[in-house]
Structure formats: structure tokens, C-alpha cells
Amino acid sequence: MAFNRRSATVAALLLSAGVCLSAQTTFQFVVSATDATGAPVTDLRAEDVVMSENGVKQQVVKVEPLSVPMKLTIAVDNGLDTADAIDHFRTGLSGLIEALPPDVEVTLIATAPQPRTVVKPTKDREQILKGLKSFAPERSAPRFTDVIVEYSQRLQKESKDHNATPYVPVMVMVSTGANEQTSYQPKDIEKAIGTLAANRARLNVVLVSTRPGDVQAATHLKSSMQGIVAASATKATNGRYEEITVPARLAMMLPEWGKDLATLQTRQTKQFRVTVERKSAGELQSPRVELTRPGLTGSVTRDGFLP
């Protein structure tokens, strides 16, 4: 929840987080703050944060750095319709990768003839860029939906490991609207989208017409299975969805996506966990958080996953 330059209420956020506070005198929340220039604050102090209930100031006992980094998975359609577009996919995605900070972990997946990992999770930019050039178009249908379902299954499995370090799952998919094959039923797809949202994943999809100038092919993007699934899944996960009719546009669009993801990574890794000692137990009473240092603005969350 964003707050103004001077103050913000976090009552709704804290109470909707599913955490029982009725018997707690100590609790924590996370602050992501920026200065007047928009740069992340890296030296937030206890005296910069005021938390009150019913106007009564509570004691901030600790402010400590918190990083919840992004991990990026890129899925690329290399099916039947990509022969004339694959180089544009590679150019655009290379620009996206080059725009990312060096600390972002990236996984690369090809979607045909079945989802397969081309580059395992790594921060090695050279390895990722090399991986983009290592696969060719296949004479088979893409498996766009399978990628989403299997990605959701991986996140669900990871969520059961309570010792795992939290991170923000982000997927970027570049696909055509070619008739796809899938191993899953509509109920599986619906469940997968719900799982992505529950795990705070962000799905971003660009569908590309590989027949520039063909009006029917462009219209098909929206009615294709990829278009139907992407429109629903990106909305549910606070991601973005684009349809383009000229593959060459990827060279400009995807690097811009990379810059936005770089901003997300910076915000996610430059946060602070605030520990407050309340004067009494019981449910929170009109809680309010304020940043007292002039020029600071920011967001408050329970766990460091920014909206």
C-alpha cells in the first residue's frame, strides 16, 4: 500500500494479510522508501519511521535491510510459425536481458516441441545470451499453456519449503498465436492461474503475428488459446499483455520491459523490515505509519512483496 510524503495507514493491509495480531505485542512490516529524486533509500533508520495506534506512538525497536529479489523465467515460442520471427525474438530478448541488473537470476525455456529448459537458472549474462541463439524453430506446435501450468506447479512445490528464501517469480513469454498443443484441461489452466496469483508471480506476455499485413492473422491473436489464457493470467498476476503485428517492434519493446523489471528488482532488494513493540496486545487500533525524514515516499507491505 503506497503512502504519502508524510504518512500512510496500514490497517487494511495488515489485517488482510491473514496474520493473527490479536495476541501479539510485537509485529513486523516492510517499508520500501524512495527519496525526492525517486532513488531507493538505503539508510532508513528507526527515527525515520513512526508507527501509531489511535494516535498513540508505538516503539520502533529495529529497522533492518530486507531483500526479496526477483527471479526471471523467459519462455520463447520456437514452434511452426517462428521461422521468420525467431531472430526478432532473439534481438528483443537480448535487449531485455542487457537492461537487467547483474544480480537477476534468469531461466530460459523453449516451448516446442515441449517445454524444455535451455538455460538453467543463472546470473551469467553471457550464458543466457548464448542460450538465446542455441535453439531453432521446430516443426511442431508450441506448448504455451503447458509452460504456464508447469511453472505454476513448480511455484506450488517451492511454496511448501518453509526454509526457502522468498523471491518474486516473474515470467516473460514471447509467443505466436499458432495453434498450440496442450496436455491440460481448462480446470488445470484455471488452477494454474490461481496458483500464480497466490504465489505473487507476475506473468508478462507478448503475442506476435508472424504475418505482417495479414489482418486475419492479427485478429487471430486475440481469439487464439494463447490470447485467451494470457489476457486472464496477466490480469490476475498484475502483469502486462501486448499484441503486436510487426515482429521487428520487439527490438524496442522488450528492452523497455527489461528497464521496468530492473526498476522492480531495485525496489524489491532495497527494502527494510521494521519491528515494532506495541504498548498492549489485542487487535490493531487505527494503525498509521509515517516517514518523518523530509522528501521520503514509499510503500508498506507485510512481507516485502510490492504491489
C-alpha atoms as a PDB file:
ATOM      1  CA  MET A   1       0.000   0.000   0.000  1.00  0.00           C
ATOM      2  CA  ALA A   2       1.513   3.323  -1.010  1.00  0.00           C
ATOM      3  CA  PHE A   3       1.677   6.162   1.449  1.00  0.00           C
ATOM      4  CA  ASN A   4       2.013   9.907   1.045  1.00  0.00           C
ATOM      5  CA  ARG A   5       5.082  12.002   1.659  1.00  0.00           C
ATOM      6  CA  ARG A   6       4.259  12.261   5.357  1.00  0.00           C
ATOM      7  CA  SER A   7       2.002   9.380   6.336  1.00  0.00           C
ATOM      8  CA  ALA A   8       0.066   6.252   5.451  1.00  0.00           C
ATOM      9  CA  THR A   9      -2.378   3.929   7.112  1.00  0.00           C
ATOM     10  CA  VAL A  10      -1.563   0.221   7.019  1.00  0.00           C
ATOM     11  CA  ALA A  11      -4.564  -1.128   8.919  1.00  0.00           C
ATOM     12  CA  ALA A  12      -6.289  -2.721   5.932  1.00  0.00           C
ATOM     13  CA  LEU A  13      -3.061  -4.239   4.689  1.00  0.00           C
ATOM     14  CA  LEU A  14      -2.028  -5.726   7.994  1.00  0.00           C
ATOM     15  CA  LEU A  15      -5.444  -7.155   8.769  1.00  0.00           C
ATOM     16  CA  SER A  16      -5.932  -8.595   5.283  1.00  0.00           C
ATOM     17  CA  ALA A  17      -2.613 -10.400   5.315  1.00  0.00           C
ATOM     18  CA  GLY A  18      -4.073 -13.376   7.148  1.00  0.00           C
ATOM     19  CA  VAL A  19      -1.834 -12.864  10.190  1.00  0.00           C
ATOM     20  CA  CYS A  20      -3.427 -13.062  13.621  1.00  0.00           C
ATOM     21  CA  LEU A  21      -2.399  -9.994  15.581  1.00  0.00           C
ATOM     22  CA  SER A  22      -4.926 -10.259  18.409  1.00  0.00           C
ATOM     23  CA  ALA A  23      -2.398 -11.617  20.912  1.00  0.00           C
ATOM     24  CA  GLN A  24       0.795 -10.003  19.648  1.00  0.00           C
ATOM     25  CA  THR A  25       2.657  -7.093  21.168  1.00  0.00           C
ATOM     26  CA  THR A  26       5.494  -7.368  18.657  1.00  0.00           C
ATOM     27  CA  PHE A  27       4.914  -7.385  14.915  1.00  0.00           C
ATOM     28  CA  GLN A  28       6.734  -6.507  11.721  1.00  0.00           C
ATOM     29  CA  PHE A  29       6.033  -4.816   8.408  1.00  0.00           C
ATOM     30  CA  VAL A  30       8.187  -3.874   5.440  1.00  0.00           C
ATOM     31  CA  VAL A  31       8.889  -0.410   4.089  1.00  0.00           C
ATOM     32  CA  SER A  32      10.091   0.401   0.566  1.00  0.00           C
ATOM     33  CA  ALA A  33      11.110   4.069   0.533  1.00  0.00           C
ATOM     34  CA  THR A  34      12.389   6.469  -2.119  1.00  0.00           C
ATOM     35  CA  ASP A  35      13.843   9.952  -1.815  1.00  0.00           C
ATOM     36  CA  ALA A  36      12.795  13.130  -3.611  1.00  0.00           C
ATOM     37  CA  THR A  37      14.647  12.039  -6.768  1.00  0.00           C
ATOM     38  CA  GLY A  38      12.879   8.660  -6.844  1.00  0.00           C
ATOM     39  CA  ALA A  39      16.015   6.750  -5.831  1.00  0.00           C
ATOM     40  CA  PRO A  40      15.626   3.913  -3.299  1.00  0.00           C
ATOM     41  CA  VAL A  41      16.576   4.832   0.255  1.00  0.00           C
ATOM     42  CA  THR A  42      19.403   2.621   1.537  1.00  0.00           C
ATOM     43  CA  ASP A  43      19.864   4.075   5.028  1.00  0.00           C
ATOM     44  CA  LEU A  44      16.417   4.102   6.614  1.00  0.00           C
ATOM     45  CA  ARG A  45      16.701   4.476  10.397  1.00  0.00           C
ATOM     46  CA  ALA A  46      14.380   3.775  13.306  1.00  0.00           C
ATOM     47  CA  GLU A  47      13.884   7.504  13.875  1.00  0.00           C
ATOM     48  CA  ASP A  48      12.653   7.858  10.272  1.00  0.00           C
ATOM     49  CA  VAL A  49       9.641   5.600  10.922  1.00  0.00           C
ATOM     50  CA  VAL A  50       6.720   6.375  13.234  1.00  0.00           C
ATOM     51  CA  MET A  51       4.024   3.800  13.872  1.00  0.00           C
ATOM     52  CA  SER A  52       0.981   4.762  15.945  1.00  0.00           C
ATOM     53  CA  GLU A  53      -2.340   3.270  17.040  1.00  0.00           C
ATOM     54  CA  ASN A  54      -5.255   5.567  17.786  1.00  0.00           C
ATOM     55  CA  GLY A  55      -2.740   8.383  17.648  1.00  0.00           C
ATOM     56  CA  VAL A  56      -0.502   6.793  20.303  1.00  0.00           C
ATOM     57  CA  LYS A  57       3.096   6.329  19.188  1.00  0.00           C
ATOM     58  CA  GLN A  58       4.435   2.762  19.418  1.00  0.00           C
ATOM     59  CA  GLN A  59       8.080   1.860  19.849  1.00  0.00           C
ATOM     60  CA  VAL A  60      10.088   1.038  16.705  1.00  0.00           C
ATOM     61  CA  VAL A  61      12.747  -1.314  18.050  1.00  0.00           C
ATOM     62  CA  LYS A  62      14.516  -2.330  14.854  1.00  0.00           C
ATOM     63  CA  VAL A  63      14.881  -1.346  11.191  1.00  0.00           C
ATOM     64  CA  GLU A  64      16.927  -3.771   9.116  1.00  0.00           C
ATOM     65  CA  PRO A  65      17.590  -4.202   5.380  1.00  0.00           C
ATOM     66  CA  LEU A  66      15.422  -6.732   3.573  1.00  0.00           C
ATOM     67  CA  SER A  67      15.871  -8.081   0.058  1.00  0.00           C
ATOM     68  CA  VAL A  68      13.144 -10.019  -1.747  1.00  0.00           C
ATOM     69  CA  PRO A  69      14.749 -10.371  -5.187  1.00  0.00           C
ATOM     70  CA  MET A  70      13.121 -11.121  -8.498  1.00  0.00           C
ATOM     71  CA  LYS A  71      13.806 -14.342 -10.381  1.00  0.00           C
ATOM     72  CA  LEU A  72      13.006 -14.191 -14.085  1.00  0.00           C
ATOM     73  CA  THR A  73      11.897 -17.039 -16.334  1.00  0.00           C
ATOM     74  CA  ILE A  74      11.766 -16.362 -20.079  1.00  0.00           C
ATOM     75  CA  ALA A  75       9.684 -18.674 -22.274  1.00  0.00           C
ATOM     76  CA  VAL A  76      10.090 -18.445 -26.057  1.00  0.00           C
ATOM     77  CA  ASP A  77       7.828 -19.887 -28.750  1.00  0.00           C
ATOM     78  CA  ASN A  78      10.018 -21.770 -31.216  1.00  0.00           C
ATOM     79  CA  GLY A  79       7.191 -23.617 -32.962  1.00  0.00           C
ATOM     80  CA  LEU A  80       5.901 -23.847 -36.515  1.00  0.00           C
ATOM     81  CA  ASP A  81       5.224 -20.147 -37.123  1.00  0.00           C
ATOM     82  CA  THR A  82       8.500 -18.724 -35.841  1.00  0.00           C
ATOM     83  CA  ALA A  83      10.860 -19.323 -38.751  1.00  0.00           C
ATOM     84  CA  ASP A  84      10.689 -15.705 -39.944  1.00  0.00           C
ATOM     85  CA  ALA A  85      10.345 -14.207 -36.474  1.00  0.00           C
ATOM     86  CA  ILE A  86      12.845 -16.037 -34.284  1.00  0.00           C
ATOM     87  CA  ASP A  87      15.644 -13.544 -34.977  1.00  0.00           C
ATOM     88  CA  HIS A  88      13.359 -10.716 -33.845  1.00  0.00           C
ATOM     89  CA  PHE A  89      12.568 -12.684 -30.692  1.00  0.00           C
ATOM     90  CA  ARG A  90      16.286 -13.056 -30.005  1.00  0.00           C
ATOM     91  CA  THR A  91      17.057  -9.391 -30.653  1.00  0.00           C
ATOM     92  CA  GLY A  92      14.297  -8.155 -28.382  1.00  0.00           C
ATOM     93  CA  LEU A  93      15.056 -10.592 -25.582  1.00  0.00           C
ATOM     94  CA  SER A  94      18.782  -9.832 -25.769  1.00  0.00           C
ATOM     95  CA  GLY A  95      17.924  -6.188 -25.173  1.00  0.00           C
ATOM     96  CA  LEU A  96      15.680  -7.132 -22.253  1.00  0.00           C
ATOM     97  CA  ILE A  97      18.432  -9.197 -20.634  1.00  0.00           C
ATOM     98  CA  GLU A  98      21.038  -6.487 -21.134  1.00  0.00           C
ATOM     99  CA  ALA A  99      18.750  -3.986 -19.377  1.00  0.00           C
ATOM    100  CA  LEU A 100      18.603  -6.105 -16.212  1.00  0.00           C
ATOM    101  CA  PRO A 101      20.865  -5.587 -13.192  1.00  0.00           C
ATOM    102  CA  PRO A 102      23.615  -8.237 -12.935  1.00  0.00           C
ATOM    103  CA  ASP A 103      22.071  -9.756  -9.803  1.00  0.00           C
ATOM    104  CA  VAL A 104      18.910 -11.042 -11.512  1.00  0.00           C
ATOM    105  CA  GLU A 105      18.701 -14.812 -11.884  1.00  0.00           C
ATOM    106  CA  VAL A 106      17.324 -15.866 -15.279  1.00  0.00           C
ATOM    107  CA  THR A 107      15.988 -19.171 -16.627  1.00  0.00           C
ATOM    108  CA  LEU A 108      15.346 -19.697 -20.356  1.00  0.00           C
ATOM    109  CA  ILE A 109      12.683 -22.096 -21.693  1.00  0.00           C
ATOM    110  CA  ALA A 110      11.700 -23.061 -25.243  1.00  0.00           C
ATOM    111  CA  THR A 111       8.075 -24.124 -25.767  1.00  0.00           C
ATOM    112  CA  ALA A 112       8.349 -26.589 -28.682  1.00  0.00           C
ATOM    113  CA  PRO A 113       8.104 -29.490 -29.208  1.00  0.00           C
ATOM    114  CA  GLN A 114       7.533 -29.486 -25.430  1.00  0.00           C
ATOM    115  CA  PRO A 115       8.595 -27.109 -22.655  1.00  0.00           C
ATOM    116  CA  ARG A 116      12.290 -27.591 -22.053  1.00  0.00           C
ATOM    117  CA  THR A 117      14.921 -25.686 -20.154  1.00  0.00           C
ATOM    118  CA  VAL A 118      17.517 -24.207 -22.492  1.00  0.00           C
ATOM    119  CA  VAL A 119      19.440 -22.334 -19.785  1.00  0.00           C
ATOM    120  CA  LYS A 120      19.178 -23.349 -16.145  1.00  0.00           C
ATOM    121  CA  PRO A 121      18.840 -20.603 -13.510  1.00  0.00           C
ATOM    122  CA  THR A 122      21.913 -18.377 -13.709  1.00  0.00           C
ATOM    123  CA  LYS A 123      23.125 -14.792 -13.366  1.00  0.00           C
ATOM    124  CA  ASP A 124      25.733 -15.306 -16.090  1.00  0.00           C
ATOM    125  CA  ARG A 125      24.663 -12.886 -18.835  1.00  0.00           C
ATOM    126  CA  GLU A 126      26.982 -14.428 -21.413  1.00  0.00           C
ATOM    127  CA  GLN A 127      25.479 -17.846 -20.834  1.00  0.00           C
ATOM    128  CA  ILE A 128      21.919 -16.520 -21.131  1.00  0.00           C
ATOM    129  CA  LEU A 129      22.607 -14.577 -24.323  1.00  0.00           C
ATOM    130  CA  LYS A 130      24.334 -17.603 -25.792  1.00  0.00           C
ATOM    131  CA  GLY A 131      21.322 -19.720 -24.870  1.00  0.00           C
ATOM    132  CA  LEU A 132      19.026 -17.449 -26.883  1.00  0.00           C
ATOM    133  CA  LYS A 133      20.920 -18.452 -30.013  1.00  0.00           C
ATOM    134  CA  SER A 134      21.101 -22.153 -29.200  1.00  0.00           C
ATOM    135  CA  PHE A 135      17.648 -23.324 -30.300  1.00  0.00           C
ATOM    136  CA  ALA A 136      15.935 -23.256 -33.687  1.00  0.00           C
ATOM    137  CA  PRO A 137      12.306 -23.309 -34.859  1.00  0.00           C
ATOM    138  CA  GLU A 138      10.738 -26.752 -34.569  1.00  0.00           C
ATOM    139  CA  ARG A 139       8.264 -28.360 -36.942  1.00  0.00           C
ATOM    140  CA  SER A 140       5.717 -28.753 -34.170  1.00  0.00           C
ATOM    141  CA  ALA A 141       3.106 -26.748 -32.307  1.00  0.00           C
ATOM    142  CA  PRO A 142       4.114 -24.614 -29.327  1.00  0.00           C
ATOM    143  CA  ARG A 143       3.011 -25.570 -25.826  1.00  0.00           C
ATOM    144  CA  PHE A 144       2.246 -22.162 -24.386  1.00  0.00           C
ATOM    145  CA  THR A 145      -0.340 -23.363 -21.869  1.00  0.00           C
ATOM    146  CA  ASP A 146       1.849 -26.246 -20.715  1.00  0.00           C
ATOM    147  CA  VAL A 147       4.579 -23.762 -19.776  1.00  0.00           C
ATOM    148  CA  ILE A 148       2.204 -21.771 -17.580  1.00  0.00           C
ATOM    149  CA  VAL A 149       0.763 -24.841 -15.861  1.00  0.00           C
ATOM    150  CA  GLU A 150       4.163 -26.416 -15.229  1.00  0.00           C
ATOM    151  CA  TYR A 151       5.585 -23.110 -13.989  1.00  0.00           C
ATOM    152  CA  SER A 152       2.701 -22.854 -11.513  1.00  0.00           C
ATOM    153  CA  GLN A 153       3.333 -26.398 -10.353  1.00  0.00           C
ATOM    154  CA  ARG A 154       6.965 -25.555  -9.666  1.00  0.00           C
ATOM    155  CA  LEU A 155       5.989 -22.498  -7.649  1.00  0.00           C
ATOM    156  CA  GLN A 156       3.458 -24.525  -5.676  1.00  0.00           C
ATOM    157  CA  LYS A 157       6.116 -27.110  -4.836  1.00  0.00           C
ATOM    158  CA  GLU A 158       8.584 -24.411  -3.785  1.00  0.00           C
ATOM    159  CA  SER A 159       5.972 -22.750  -1.567  1.00  0.00           C
ATOM    160  CA  LYS A 160       5.913 -25.836   0.654  1.00  0.00           C
ATOM    161  CA  ASP A 161       9.584 -25.357   1.548  1.00  0.00           C
ATOM    162  CA  HIS A 162       9.325 -23.013   4.509  1.00  0.00           C
ATOM    163  CA  ASN A 163      13.115 -22.702   4.711  1.00  0.00           C
ATOM    164  CA  ALA A 164      13.440 -21.379   1.172  1.00  0.00           C
ATOM    165  CA  THR A 165      14.457 -17.765   0.677  1.00  0.00           C
ATOM    166  CA  PRO A 166      11.467 -15.791  -0.640  1.00  0.00           C
ATOM    167  CA  TYR A 167      11.616 -14.216  -4.083  1.00  0.00           C
ATOM    168  CA  VAL A 168       9.320 -12.594  -6.629  1.00  0.00           C
ATOM    169  CA  PRO A 169       8.617 -15.003  -9.526  1.00  0.00           C
ATOM    170  CA  VAL A 170       8.431 -13.188 -12.866  1.00  0.00           C
ATOM    171  CA  MET A 171       7.820 -14.809 -16.240  1.00  0.00           C
ATOM    172  CA  VAL A 172       8.121 -13.181 -19.654  1.00  0.00           C
ATOM    173  CA  MET A 173       6.592 -15.134 -22.541  1.00  0.00           C
ATOM    174  CA  VAL A 174       7.085 -14.336 -26.221  1.00  0.00           C
ATOM    175  CA  SER A 175       4.679 -16.328 -28.373  1.00  0.00           C
ATOM    176  CA  THR A 176       2.855 -16.504 -31.652  1.00  0.00           C
ATOM    177  CA  GLY A 177      -0.838 -17.254 -31.890  1.00  0.00           C
ATOM    178  CA  ALA A 178      -0.210 -20.521 -33.746  1.00  0.00           C
ATOM    179  CA  ASN A 179      -2.486 -23.428 -32.872  1.00  0.00           C
ATOM    180  CA  GLU A 180      -0.918 -24.933 -29.811  1.00  0.00           C
ATOM    181  CA  GLN A 181      -0.915 -28.352 -28.227  1.00  0.00           C
ATOM    182  CA  THR A 182      -1.589 -28.838 -24.551  1.00  0.00           C
ATOM    183  CA  SER A 183      -1.666 -31.702 -22.095  1.00  0.00           C
ATOM    184  CA  TYR A 184      -4.027 -29.914 -19.711  1.00  0.00           C
ATOM    185  CA  GLN A 185      -7.726 -29.308 -19.302  1.00  0.00           C
ATOM    186  CA  PRO A 186      -9.420 -25.919 -18.705  1.00  0.00           C
ATOM    187  CA  LYS A 187      -9.719 -26.684 -14.987  1.00  0.00           C
ATOM    188  CA  ASP A 188      -5.941 -27.219 -14.853  1.00  0.00           C
ATOM    189  CA  ILE A 189      -5.348 -23.864 -16.519  1.00  0.00           C
ATOM    190  CA  GLU A 190      -7.721 -22.091 -14.147  1.00  0.00           C
ATOM    191  CA  LYS A 191      -5.985 -23.696 -11.174  1.00  0.00           C
ATOM    192  CA  ALA A 192      -2.583 -22.684 -12.550  1.00  0.00           C
ATOM    193  CA  ILE A 193      -3.600 -19.033 -12.845  1.00  0.00           C
ATOM    194  CA  GLY A 194      -4.863 -19.106  -9.264  1.00  0.00           C
ATOM    195  CA  THR A 195      -1.578 -20.628  -8.123  1.00  0.00           C
ATOM    196  CA  LEU A 196       0.432 -17.922  -9.877  1.00  0.00           C
ATOM    197  CA  ALA A 197      -1.608 -15.209  -8.186  1.00  0.00           C
ATOM    198  CA  ALA A 198      -1.360 -16.901  -4.781  1.00  0.00           C
ATOM    199  CA  ASN A 199       2.423 -17.051  -5.097  1.00  0.00           C
ATOM    200  CA  ARG A 200       2.651 -13.372  -6.121  1.00  0.00           C
ATOM    201  CA  ALA A 201       4.037 -14.292  -9.533  1.00  0.00           C
ATOM    202  CA  ARG A 202       3.945 -11.724 -12.343  1.00  0.00           C
ATOM    203  CA  LEU A 203       3.213 -13.044 -15.821  1.00  0.00           C
ATOM    204  CA  ASN A 204       4.035 -10.841 -18.814  1.00  0.00           C
ATOM    205  CA  VAL A 205       3.096 -11.953 -22.323  1.00  0.00           C
ATOM    206  CA  VAL A 206       3.607 -10.539 -25.790  1.00  0.00           C
ATOM    207  CA  LEU A 207       1.828 -12.268 -28.674  1.00  0.00           C
ATOM    208  CA  VAL A 208       3.333 -11.687 -32.092  1.00  0.00           C
ATOM    209  CA  SER A 209       1.724 -12.032 -35.504  1.00  0.00           C
ATOM    210  CA  THR A 210       4.281 -13.586 -37.829  1.00  0.00           C
ATOM    211  CA  ARG A 211       2.389 -12.459 -40.928  1.00  0.00           C
ATOM    212  CA  PRO A 212       2.761  -8.667 -41.080  1.00  0.00           C
ATOM    213  CA  GLY A 213      -0.025  -7.062 -43.074  1.00  0.00           C
ATOM    214  CA  ASP A 214      -2.349 -10.044 -42.712  1.00  0.00           C
ATOM    215  CA  VAL A 215      -5.397  -8.613 -40.940  1.00  0.00           C
ATOM    216  CA  GLN A 216      -6.905 -12.015 -40.278  1.00  0.00           C
ATOM    217  CA  ALA A 217      -3.690 -13.271 -38.665  1.00  0.00           C
ATOM    218  CA  ALA A 218      -3.569 -10.214 -36.403  1.00  0.00           C
ATOM    219  CA  THR A 219      -7.186 -10.704 -35.354  1.00  0.00           C
ATOM    220  CA  HIS A 220      -6.458 -14.353 -34.613  1.00  0.00           C
ATOM    221  CA  LEU A 221      -4.049 -13.368 -31.822  1.00  0.00           C
ATOM    222  CA  LYS A 222      -6.862 -12.261 -29.555  1.00  0.00           C
ATOM    223  CA  SER A 223      -9.026 -15.328 -30.194  1.00  0.00           C
ATOM    224  CA  SER A 224      -6.183 -17.843 -30.011  1.00  0.00           C
ATOM    225  CA  MET A 225      -5.762 -20.038 -26.940  1.00  0.00           C
ATOM    226  CA  GLN A 226      -2.619 -18.074 -26.116  1.00  0.00           C
ATOM    227  CA  GLY A 227      -4.536 -14.811 -26.253  1.00  0.00           C
ATOM    228  CA  ILE A 228      -7.409 -16.078 -24.127  1.00  0.00           C
ATOM    229  CA  VAL A 229      -5.143 -17.562 -21.457  1.00  0.00           C
ATOM    230  CA  ALA A 230      -2.698 -14.642 -21.475  1.00  0.00           C
ATOM    231  CA  ALA A 231      -5.398 -11.987 -21.066  1.00  0.00           C
ATOM    232  CA  SER A 232      -6.742 -13.736 -17.969  1.00  0.00           C
ATOM    233  CA  ALA A 233      -3.419 -14.751 -16.442  1.00  0.00           C
ATOM    234  CA  THR A 234      -1.660 -11.411 -16.847  1.00  0.00           C
ATOM    235  CA  LYS A 235      -4.598  -9.557 -15.317  1.00  0.00           C
ATOM    236  CA  ALA A 236      -4.702 -11.936 -12.340  1.00  0.00           C
ATOM    237  CA  THR A 237      -0.977 -11.525 -11.688  1.00  0.00           C
ATOM    238  CA  ASN A 238      -0.625  -7.772 -12.189  1.00  0.00           C
ATOM    239  CA  GLY A 239       1.461  -8.414 -15.301  1.00  0.00           C
ATOM    240  CA  ARG A 240       1.279  -6.962 -18.787  1.00  0.00           C
ATOM    241  CA  TYR A 241      -0.098  -8.243 -22.055  1.00  0.00           C
ATOM    242  CA  GLU A 242       0.651  -6.929 -25.542  1.00  0.00           C
ATOM    243  CA  GLU A 243      -0.266  -7.964 -29.070  1.00  0.00           C
ATOM    244  CA  ILE A 244       1.937  -6.777 -31.920  1.00  0.00           C
ATOM    245  CA  THR A 245       1.620  -7.313 -35.646  1.00  0.00           C
ATOM    246  CA  VAL A 246       5.212  -6.492 -36.629  1.00  0.00           C
ATOM    247  CA  PRO A 247       7.880  -8.739 -35.034  1.00  0.00           C
ATOM    248  CA  ALA A 248      10.567  -6.075 -35.548  1.00  0.00           C
ATOM    249  CA  ARG A 249       8.856  -3.991 -32.836  1.00  0.00           C
ATOM    250  CA  LEU A 250      10.223  -6.391 -30.240  1.00  0.00           C
ATOM    251  CA  ALA A 251      13.639  -4.780 -30.621  1.00  0.00           C
ATOM    252  CA  MET A 252      12.313  -1.639 -28.924  1.00  0.00           C
ATOM    253  CA  MET A 253       9.532  -3.023 -26.731  1.00  0.00           C
ATOM    254  CA  LEU A 254      11.313  -5.813 -24.874  1.00  0.00           C
ATOM    255  CA  PRO A 255      14.291  -3.678 -23.751  1.00  0.00           C
ATOM    256  CA  GLU A 256      11.718  -1.286 -22.245  1.00  0.00           C
ATOM    257  CA  TRP A 257      10.206  -4.229 -20.396  1.00  0.00           C
ATOM    258  CA  GLY A 258      13.731  -5.007 -19.201  1.00  0.00           C
ATOM    259  CA  LYS A 259      14.109  -1.499 -17.786  1.00  0.00           C
ATOM    260  CA  ASP A 260      10.818  -1.840 -15.905  1.00  0.00           C
ATOM    261  CA  LEU A 261      11.928  -5.193 -14.500  1.00  0.00           C
ATOM    262  CA  ALA A 262      15.238  -3.617 -13.483  1.00  0.00           C
ATOM    263  CA  THR A 263      13.299  -0.994 -11.525  1.00  0.00           C
ATOM    264  CA  LEU A 264      11.254  -3.731  -9.852  1.00  0.00           C
ATOM    265  CA  GLN A 265      14.421  -5.603  -8.880  1.00  0.00           C
ATOM    266  CA  THR A 266      15.943  -2.463  -7.362  1.00  0.00           C
ATOM    267  CA  ARG A 267      12.810  -1.722  -5.339  1.00  0.00           C
ATOM    268  CA  GLN A 268      12.479  -5.328  -4.195  1.00  0.00           C
ATOM    269  CA  THR A 269      16.080  -5.584  -2.997  1.00  0.00           C
ATOM    270  CA  LYS A 270      16.245  -2.186  -1.243  1.00  0.00           C
ATOM    271  CA  GLN A 271      13.610  -2.595   1.458  1.00  0.00           C
ATOM    272  CA  PHE A 272      13.539  -2.530   5.243  1.00  0.00           C
ATOM    273  CA  ARG A 273      11.864  -4.759   7.789  1.00  0.00           C
ATOM    274  CA  VAL A 274      10.507  -2.709  10.676  1.00  0.00           C
ATOM    275  CA  THR A 275       9.917  -4.315  14.086  1.00  0.00           C
ATOM    276  CA  VAL A 276       7.503  -2.554  16.431  1.00  0.00           C
ATOM    277  CA  GLU A 277       6.865  -3.189  20.116  1.00  0.00           C
ATOM    278  CA  ARG A 278       3.241  -2.308  20.835  1.00  0.00           C
ATOM    279  CA  LYS A 279       2.145  -0.900  24.163  1.00  0.00           C
ATOM    280  CA  SER A 280      -0.567  -3.548  24.518  1.00  0.00           C
ATOM    281  CA  ALA A 281      -1.808  -6.732  22.905  1.00  0.00           C
ATOM    282  CA  GLY A 282      -5.087  -7.088  21.066  1.00  0.00           C
ATOM    283  CA  GLU A 283      -6.262  -6.152  17.613  1.00  0.00           C
ATOM    284  CA  LEU A 284      -4.633  -3.205  15.909  1.00  0.00           C
ATOM    285  CA  GLN A 285      -6.445   0.046  16.583  1.00  0.00           C
ATOM    286  CA  SER A 286      -6.361   2.545  13.689  1.00  0.00           C
ATOM    287  CA  PRO A 287      -2.681   1.923  12.928  1.00  0.00           C
ATOM    288  CA  ARG A 288      -0.730   4.503  10.948  1.00  0.00           C
ATOM    289  CA  VAL A 289       2.803   4.557   9.552  1.00  0.00           C
ATOM    290  CA  GLU A 290       4.662   7.789   8.857  1.00  0.00           C
ATOM    291  CA  LEU A 291       8.046   8.579   7.354  1.00  0.00           C
ATOM    292  CA  THR A 292       9.443  11.600   9.131  1.00  0.00           C
ATOM    293  CA  ARG A 293      12.528  12.299   7.028  1.00  0.00           C
ATOM    294  CA  PRO A 294      11.637  15.120   4.584  1.00  0.00           C
ATOM    295  CA  GLY A 295      11.156  14.081   0.957  1.00  0.00           C
ATOM    296  CA  LEU A 296      10.631  10.366   1.516  1.00  0.00           C
ATOM    297  CA  THR A 297       7.744   8.446  -0.024  1.00  0.00           C
ATOM    298  CA  GLY A 298       7.133   4.725  -0.248  1.00  0.00           C
ATOM    299  CA  SER A 299       5.044   1.611   0.249  1.00  0.00           C
ATOM    300  CA  VAL A 300       4.215  -0.610   3.199  1.00  0.00           C
ATOM    301  CA  THR A 301       3.691  -4.367   2.926  1.00  0.00           C
ATOM    302  CA  ARG A 302       3.541  -7.249   5.346  1.00  0.00           C
ATOM    303  CA  ASP A 303       6.152  -9.390   3.607  1.00  0.00           C
ATOM    304  CA  GLY A 304       8.140  -7.335   1.103  1.00  0.00           C
ATOM    305  CA  PHE A 305       6.179  -8.330  -2.000  1.00  0.00           C
ATOM    306  CA  LEU A 306       5.450  -4.973  -3.626  1.00  0.00           C
ATOM    307  CA  PRO A 307       2.160  -4.417  -5.458  1.00  0.00           C
END
